Amino acid sequence: MMRLISATPSPYARKVRIALAEKAIPFELLTEVPWDSDTSLPRYNPLEKLPVLILEDGSTVYESSYILEWLERKYPTPALMPRDDDGWLAARKCLVLADGICDAFLLVFFERRRPEAHQSAPWVARQMRKVDG
């Protein structure tokens, strides 16, 4: 059975979990705290980012967008992306926008974990404009 390493909550891992569920692919969910000193991530992803899909043979697939593409190629039915070019391009554009919004939100999340004196209010406002639209 495949294993998915995730963090709680991770919007990137969530989209992979949804794809696995939609394709009815069984998997075991493993929770990891990527910024802990004892994280196992370096063993599975040289970028030390989540999510990571560990395949039955022990090899890994990482980075949520690539995991989704990998799943779509290896498990083509049911299709989660349109098959026609225009539909695929429109869906891909939505995915890129959604990832960018998630990126901005996570940057704000981590910025706000810094001591208040070291936070940049203009930078947070810039990121939040991306989130708020």
N, C-alpha and C. Protein backbone atom coordinates (compact mmCIF):
# COMPACT_ATOMS: atom_id res chain seq x y z
N MET A 1 0.84 -1.18 0.00
CA MET A 1 0.00 0.00 0.00
C MET A 1 0.89 1.24 0.00
N MET A 2 0.47 2.25 -0.76
CA MET A 2 1.19 3.51 -0.77
C MET A 2 1.04 4.21 0.58
N ARG A 3 2.02 5.06 0.88
CA ARG A 3 1.96 5.88 2.08
C ARG A 3 2.13 7.34 1.67
N LEU A 4 1.37 8.20 2.29
CA LEU A 4 1.45 9.64 2.01
C LEU A 4 1.92 10.34 3.27
N ILE A 5 3.08 11.00 3.16
CA ILE A 5 3.58 11.80 4.28
C ILE A 5 2.99 13.20 4.12
N SER A 6 2.37 13.67 5.20
CA SER A 6 1.67 14.94 5.19
C SER A 6 1.96 15.69 6.47
N ALA A 7 1.55 16.93 6.50
CA ALA A 7 1.54 17.73 7.73
C ALA A 7 0.11 18.17 7.95
N THR A 8 -0.22 18.45 9.17
CA THR A 8 -1.58 18.89 9.48
C THR A 8 -1.56 20.36 9.82
N PRO A 9 -2.29 21.21 9.20
CA PRO A 9 -2.98 20.99 7.92
C PRO A 9 -2.08 21.42 6.76
N SER A 10 -2.10 20.69 5.69
CA SER A 10 -1.34 21.04 4.49
C SER A 10 -2.28 21.07 3.30
N PRO A 11 -2.47 22.24 2.69
CA PRO A 11 -3.35 22.28 1.52
C PRO A 11 -2.80 21.47 0.36
N TYR A 12 -1.48 21.34 0.30
CA TYR A 12 -0.86 20.58 -0.78
C TYR A 12 -1.13 19.09 -0.61
N ALA A 13 -0.97 18.60 0.62
CA ALA A 13 -1.27 17.20 0.88
C ALA A 13 -2.75 16.92 0.76
N ARG A 14 -3.56 17.90 1.10
CA ARG A 14 -5.02 17.71 1.01
C ARG A 14 -5.44 17.43 -0.43
N LYS A 15 -4.88 18.17 -1.39
CA LYS A 15 -5.28 17.92 -2.77
C LYS A 15 -4.82 16.54 -3.24
N VAL A 16 -3.70 16.06 -2.72
CA VAL A 16 -3.26 14.70 -3.05
C VAL A 16 -4.18 13.67 -2.40
N ARG A 17 -4.57 13.91 -1.15
CA ARG A 17 -5.50 12.99 -0.47
C ARG A 17 -6.83 12.93 -1.23
N ILE A 18 -7.31 14.06 -1.70
CA ILE A 18 -8.56 14.08 -2.47
C ILE A 18 -8.40 13.28 -3.75
N ALA A 19 -7.30 13.46 -4.46
CA ALA A 19 -7.07 12.72 -5.71
C ALA A 19 -7.00 11.22 -5.44
N LEU A 20 -6.30 10.82 -4.40
CA LEU A 20 -6.22 9.39 -4.06
C LEU A 20 -7.61 8.84 -3.75
N ALA A 21 -8.41 9.59 -3.01
CA ALA A 21 -9.76 9.15 -2.68
C ALA A 21 -10.63 9.07 -3.93
N GLU A 22 -10.56 10.08 -4.79
CA GLU A 22 -11.37 10.08 -6.02
C GLU A 22 -11.01 8.92 -6.93
N LYS A 23 -9.75 8.54 -6.93
CA LYS A 23 -9.30 7.41 -7.75
C LYS A 23 -9.42 6.08 -7.01
N ALA A 24 -9.91 6.12 -5.78
CA ALA A 24 -10.09 4.91 -4.95
C ALA A 24 -8.79 4.14 -4.79
N ILE A 25 -7.70 4.87 -4.57
CA ILE A 25 -6.39 4.27 -4.34
C ILE A 25 -6.16 4.22 -2.84
N PRO A 26 -6.03 3.04 -2.27
CA PRO A 26 -5.80 2.96 -0.82
C PRO A 26 -4.40 3.49 -0.47
N PHE A 27 -4.31 4.14 0.68
CA PHE A 27 -3.03 4.66 1.13
C PHE A 27 -3.07 4.81 2.64
N GLU A 28 -1.88 4.83 3.22
CA GLU A 28 -1.74 5.09 4.66
C GLU A 28 -1.25 6.52 4.81
N LEU A 29 -1.89 7.27 5.68
CA LEU A 29 -1.51 8.66 5.93
C LEU A 29 -0.53 8.72 7.10
N LEU A 30 0.64 9.31 6.86
CA LEU A 30 1.65 9.51 7.89
C LEU A 30 1.79 11.01 8.13
N THR A 31 1.78 11.41 9.38
CA THR A 31 1.89 12.83 9.70
C THR A 31 3.32 13.15 10.12
N GLU A 32 3.84 14.23 9.59
CA GLU A 32 5.21 14.65 9.83
C GLU A 32 5.20 16.15 10.15
N VAL A 33 6.12 16.58 10.99
CA VAL A 33 6.32 18.01 11.24
C VAL A 33 7.62 18.37 10.53
N PRO A 34 7.54 19.00 9.36
CA PRO A 34 8.73 19.16 8.53
C PRO A 34 9.82 20.03 9.11
N TRP A 35 9.50 20.92 10.05
CA TRP A 35 10.53 21.79 10.60
C TRP A 35 11.13 21.24 11.90
N ASP A 36 10.68 20.08 12.36
CA ASP A 36 11.31 19.44 13.52
C ASP A 36 12.70 18.93 13.14
N SER A 37 13.60 18.96 14.09
CA SER A 37 14.98 18.53 13.81
C SER A 37 15.07 17.05 13.48
N ASP A 38 14.13 16.25 13.96
CA ASP A 38 14.18 14.81 13.70
C ASP A 38 13.27 14.38 12.54
N THR A 39 12.93 15.31 11.65
CA THR A 39 12.06 14.98 10.53
C THR A 39 12.69 13.91 9.64
N SER A 40 11.86 13.06 9.09
CA SER A 40 12.33 12.01 8.19
C SER A 40 12.36 12.47 6.74
N LEU A 41 11.94 13.68 6.48
CA LEU A 41 11.81 14.16 5.10
C LEU A 41 13.07 14.03 4.24
N PRO A 42 14.26 14.33 4.75
CA PRO A 42 15.43 14.22 3.88
C PRO A 42 15.62 12.83 3.28
N ARG A 43 15.12 11.80 3.94
CA ARG A 43 15.22 10.43 3.39
C ARG A 43 14.32 10.24 2.19
N TYR A 44 13.25 11.03 2.10
CA TYR A 44 12.23 10.81 1.08
C TYR A 44 12.16 11.90 0.01
N ASN A 45 12.60 13.10 0.34
CA ASN A 45 12.51 14.21 -0.60
C ASN A 45 13.72 15.12 -0.38
N PRO A 46 14.59 15.27 -1.38
CA PRO A 46 15.78 16.11 -1.20
C PRO A 46 15.43 17.58 -0.95
N LEU A 47 14.21 18.00 -1.30
CA LEU A 47 13.77 19.37 -1.05
C LEU A 47 13.19 19.54 0.35
N GLU A 48 13.00 18.42 1.06
CA GLU A 48 12.46 18.41 2.43
C GLU A 48 11.11 19.11 2.52
N LYS A 49 10.28 18.89 1.51
CA LYS A 49 8.94 19.47 1.48
C LYS A 49 7.90 18.37 1.47
N LEU A 50 6.72 18.73 1.92
CA LEU A 50 5.58 17.82 1.90
C LEU A 50 4.61 18.28 0.83
N PRO A 51 3.82 17.35 0.32
CA PRO A 51 3.69 15.94 0.66
C PRO A 51 4.69 15.08 -0.11
N VAL A 52 4.81 13.85 0.37
CA VAL A 52 5.61 12.83 -0.30
C VAL A 52 4.76 11.57 -0.38
N LEU A 53 4.67 11.00 -1.57
CA LEU A 53 3.98 9.74 -1.76
C LEU A 53 5.04 8.65 -1.85
N ILE A 54 5.00 7.71 -0.90
CA ILE A 54 5.94 6.59 -0.89
C ILE A 54 5.24 5.42 -1.57
N LEU A 55 5.83 4.94 -2.65
CA LEU A 55 5.24 3.84 -3.41
C LEU A 55 5.53 2.51 -2.74
N GLU A 56 4.85 1.48 -3.19
CA GLU A 56 4.99 0.16 -2.57
C GLU A 56 6.41 -0.37 -2.65
N ASP A 57 7.16 0.02 -3.70
CA ASP A 57 8.54 -0.45 -3.83
C ASP A 57 9.54 0.42 -3.05
N GLY A 58 9.03 1.44 -2.33
CA GLY A 58 9.88 2.31 -1.52
C GLY A 58 10.33 3.56 -2.24
N SER A 59 10.13 3.64 -3.54
CA SER A 59 10.49 4.86 -4.26
C SER A 59 9.50 5.96 -3.91
N THR A 60 9.85 7.19 -4.21
CA THR A 60 9.02 8.32 -3.78
C THR A 60 8.64 9.22 -4.95
N VAL A 61 7.50 9.85 -4.77
CA VAL A 61 7.02 10.89 -5.68
C VAL A 61 6.71 12.09 -4.79
N TYR A 62 7.24 13.26 -5.13
CA TYR A 62 7.03 14.41 -4.25
C TYR A 62 6.69 15.65 -5.05
N GLU A 63 6.22 16.66 -4.32
CA GLU A 63 5.70 17.93 -4.84
C GLU A 63 4.30 17.67 -5.35
N SER A 64 3.34 18.30 -4.73
CA SER A 64 1.93 17.95 -4.93
C SER A 64 1.49 17.99 -6.39
N SER A 65 1.90 18.99 -7.14
CA SER A 65 1.48 19.06 -8.55
C SER A 65 2.03 17.88 -9.34
N TYR A 66 3.28 17.52 -9.08
CA TYR A 66 3.86 16.36 -9.77
C TYR A 66 3.19 15.07 -9.32
N ILE A 67 2.88 14.95 -8.03
CA ILE A 67 2.17 13.75 -7.55
C ILE A 67 0.85 13.60 -8.29
N LEU A 68 0.11 14.70 -8.45
CA LEU A 68 -1.17 14.63 -9.16
C LEU A 68 -0.98 14.21 -10.61
N GLU A 69 0.04 14.75 -11.27
CA GLU A 69 0.32 14.36 -12.65
C GLU A 69 0.72 12.88 -12.71
N TRP A 70 1.52 12.43 -11.77
CA TRP A 70 1.95 11.04 -11.72
C TRP A 70 0.74 10.13 -11.54
N LEU A 71 -0.14 10.48 -10.60
CA LEU A 71 -1.34 9.68 -10.37
C LEU A 71 -2.21 9.62 -11.62
N GLU A 72 -2.34 10.73 -12.31
CA GLU A 72 -3.18 10.78 -13.51
C GLU A 72 -2.60 9.90 -14.62
N ARG A 73 -1.29 9.83 -14.71
CA ARG A 73 -0.64 8.98 -15.73
C ARG A 73 -0.69 7.51 -15.36
N LYS A 74 -0.43 7.21 -14.10
CA LYS A 74 -0.37 5.82 -13.66
C LYS A 74 -1.75 5.22 -13.42
N TYR A 75 -2.70 6.05 -13.04
CA TYR A 75 -4.07 5.61 -12.74
C TYR A 75 -5.03 6.52 -13.52
N PRO A 76 -5.14 6.31 -14.83
CA PRO A 76 -5.88 7.26 -15.67
C PRO A 76 -7.40 7.29 -15.47
N THR A 77 -7.95 6.27 -14.83
CA THR A 77 -9.40 6.29 -14.60
C THR A 77 -9.69 6.15 -13.12
N PRO A 78 -10.60 6.94 -12.61
CA PRO A 78 -11.30 8.01 -13.32
C PRO A 78 -10.37 9.20 -13.55
N ALA A 79 -10.57 9.86 -14.66
CA ALA A 79 -9.76 11.03 -14.99
C ALA A 79 -10.15 12.20 -14.09
N LEU A 80 -9.16 12.87 -13.55
CA LEU A 80 -9.42 14.05 -12.73
C LEU A 80 -9.19 15.35 -13.50
N MET A 81 -8.56 15.24 -14.64
CA MET A 81 -8.30 16.40 -15.49
C MET A 81 -8.99 16.17 -16.83
N PRO A 82 -9.46 17.25 -17.45
CA PRO A 82 -10.06 17.12 -18.78
C PRO A 82 -9.05 16.54 -19.77
N ARG A 83 -9.54 15.82 -20.75
CA ARG A 83 -8.65 15.21 -21.75
C ARG A 83 -8.40 16.13 -22.93
N ASP A 84 -9.33 17.04 -23.21
CA ASP A 84 -9.14 17.95 -24.35
C ASP A 84 -8.18 19.08 -23.95
N ASP A 85 -7.48 19.61 -24.93
CA ASP A 85 -6.45 20.62 -24.67
C ASP A 85 -7.00 21.85 -23.95
N ASP A 86 -8.09 22.41 -24.46
CA ASP A 86 -8.63 23.63 -23.85
C ASP A 86 -9.08 23.40 -22.41
N GLY A 87 -9.75 22.29 -22.18
CA GLY A 87 -10.18 21.96 -20.82
C GLY A 87 -9.01 21.73 -19.89
N TRP A 88 -7.98 21.02 -20.38
CA TRP A 88 -6.80 20.74 -19.57
C TRP A 88 -6.09 22.05 -19.22
N LEU A 89 -5.92 22.92 -20.22
CA LEU A 89 -5.24 24.19 -19.97
C LEU A 89 -6.01 25.06 -18.98
N ALA A 90 -7.33 25.09 -19.09
CA ALA A 90 -8.14 25.88 -18.15
C ALA A 90 -8.03 25.31 -16.74
N ALA A 91 -8.09 23.99 -16.62
CA ALA A 91 -7.97 23.36 -15.30
C ALA A 91 -6.58 23.59 -14.72
N ARG A 92 -5.56 23.49 -15.55
CA ARG A 92 -4.19 23.68 -15.09
C ARG A 92 -3.97 25.12 -14.60
N LYS A 93 -4.58 26.08 -15.30
CA LYS A 93 -4.50 27.48 -14.88
C LYS A 93 -5.11 27.66 -13.49
N CYS A 94 -6.24 27.01 -13.24
CA CYS A 94 -6.87 27.07 -11.91
C CYS A 94 -5.96 26.46 -10.85
N LEU A 95 -5.31 25.35 -11.19
CA LEU A 95 -4.40 24.71 -10.23
C LEU A 95 -3.22 25.61 -9.90
N VAL A 96 -2.66 26.27 -10.90
CA VAL A 96 -1.53 27.17 -10.68
C VAL A 96 -1.95 28.32 -9.77
N LEU A 97 -3.13 28.89 -10.02
CA LEU A 97 -3.63 29.98 -9.18
C LEU A 97 -3.85 29.50 -7.74
N ALA A 98 -4.46 28.33 -7.59
CA ALA A 98 -4.72 27.79 -6.25
C ALA A 98 -3.40 27.55 -5.51
N ASP A 99 -2.41 27.00 -6.19
CA ASP A 99 -1.11 26.79 -5.55
C ASP A 99 -0.48 28.12 -5.14
N GLY A 100 -0.58 29.13 -5.98
CA GLY A 100 -0.02 30.44 -5.64
C GLY A 100 -0.69 31.06 -4.43
N ILE A 101 -2.00 30.90 -4.32
CA ILE A 101 -2.72 31.41 -3.15
C ILE A 101 -2.28 30.66 -1.90
N CYS A 102 -2.14 29.34 -2.02
CA CYS A 102 -1.66 28.55 -0.87
C CYS A 102 -0.25 28.96 -0.48
N ASP A 103 0.61 29.17 -1.48
CA ASP A 103 1.98 29.61 -1.20
C ASP A 103 1.98 30.92 -0.41
N ALA A 104 1.18 31.89 -0.86
CA ALA A 104 1.13 33.19 -0.19
C ALA A 104 0.62 33.04 1.24
N PHE A 105 -0.41 32.24 1.42
CA PHE A 105 -0.97 32.04 2.76
C PHE A 105 0.05 31.41 3.70
N LEU A 106 0.77 30.41 3.20
CA LEU A 106 1.78 29.76 4.05
C LEU A 106 2.94 30.70 4.37
N LEU A 107 3.31 31.55 3.42
CA LEU A 107 4.36 32.53 3.71
C LEU A 107 3.93 33.47 4.84
N VAL A 108 2.67 33.88 4.82
CA VAL A 108 2.14 34.72 5.90
C VAL A 108 2.13 33.95 7.22
N PHE A 109 1.71 32.70 7.16
CA PHE A 109 1.68 31.86 8.36
C PHE A 109 3.06 31.82 9.02
N PHE A 110 4.10 31.57 8.22
CA PHE A 110 5.44 31.47 8.78
C PHE A 110 5.99 32.84 9.18
N GLU A 111 5.64 33.88 8.45
CA GLU A 111 6.07 35.23 8.84
C GLU A 111 5.51 35.59 10.20
N ARG A 112 4.28 35.21 10.45
CA ARG A 112 3.64 35.54 11.73
C ARG A 112 4.17 34.70 12.89
N ARG A 113 4.94 33.69 12.60
CA ARG A 113 5.58 32.89 13.66
C ARG A 113 6.87 33.57 14.14
N ARG A 114 7.36 34.52 13.39
CA ARG A 114 8.57 35.24 13.78
C ARG A 114 8.22 36.21 14.90
N PRO A 115 9.23 36.64 15.67
CA PRO A 115 8.96 37.67 16.68
C PRO A 115 8.35 38.90 16.00
N GLU A 116 7.40 39.52 16.67
CA GLU A 116 6.66 40.63 16.07
C GLU A 116 7.58 41.74 15.55
N ALA A 117 8.65 42.00 16.27
CA ALA A 117 9.57 43.06 15.86
C ALA A 117 10.27 42.75 14.54
N HIS A 118 10.31 41.50 14.14
CA HIS A 118 10.99 41.09 12.91
C HIS A 118 10.02 40.85 11.75
N GLN A 119 8.74 40.99 12.00
CA GLN A 119 7.76 40.78 10.94
C GLN A 119 7.67 42.02 10.05
N SER A 120 7.39 41.79 8.80
CA SER A 120 7.23 42.89 7.84
C SER A 120 5.76 43.04 7.49
N ALA A 121 5.13 44.08 8.02
CA ALA A 121 3.71 44.32 7.74
C ALA A 121 3.45 44.56 6.25
N PRO A 122 4.29 45.34 5.54
CA PRO A 122 4.04 45.52 4.11
C PRO A 122 4.14 44.21 3.32
N TRP A 123 5.08 43.37 3.70
CA TRP A 123 5.25 42.08 3.02
C TRP A 123 4.05 41.19 3.29
N VAL A 124 3.57 41.15 4.54
CA VAL A 124 2.37 40.37 4.88
C VAL A 124 1.18 40.89 4.09
N ALA A 125 1.04 42.21 4.01
CA ALA A 125 -0.09 42.80 3.27
C ALA A 125 -0.02 42.41 1.79
N ARG A 126 1.17 42.39 1.23
CA ARG A 126 1.33 42.00 -0.18
C ARG A 126 0.89 40.55 -0.39
N GLN A 127 1.30 39.67 0.52
CA GLN A 127 0.91 38.26 0.39
C GLN A 127 -0.60 38.11 0.57
N MET A 128 -1.17 38.84 1.50
CA MET A 128 -2.61 38.72 1.76
C MET A 128 -3.44 39.25 0.60
N ARG A 129 -2.91 40.19 -0.18
CA ARG A 129 -3.62 40.63 -1.39
C ARG A 129 -3.80 39.46 -2.35
N LYS A 130 -2.80 38.59 -2.41
CA LYS A 130 -2.89 37.41 -3.26
C LYS A 130 -3.95 36.45 -2.74
N VAL A 131 -4.01 36.31 -1.44
CA VAL A 131 -4.99 35.40 -0.82
C VAL A 131 -6.40 35.96 -0.97
N ASP A 132 -6.56 37.24 -0.70
CA ASP A 132 -7.88 37.86 -0.72
C ASP A 132 -8.41 38.13 -2.13
N GLY A 133 -7.50 38.13 -3.10
CA GLY A 133 -7.93 38.34 -4.48
C GLY A 133 -8.05 39.77 -4.80
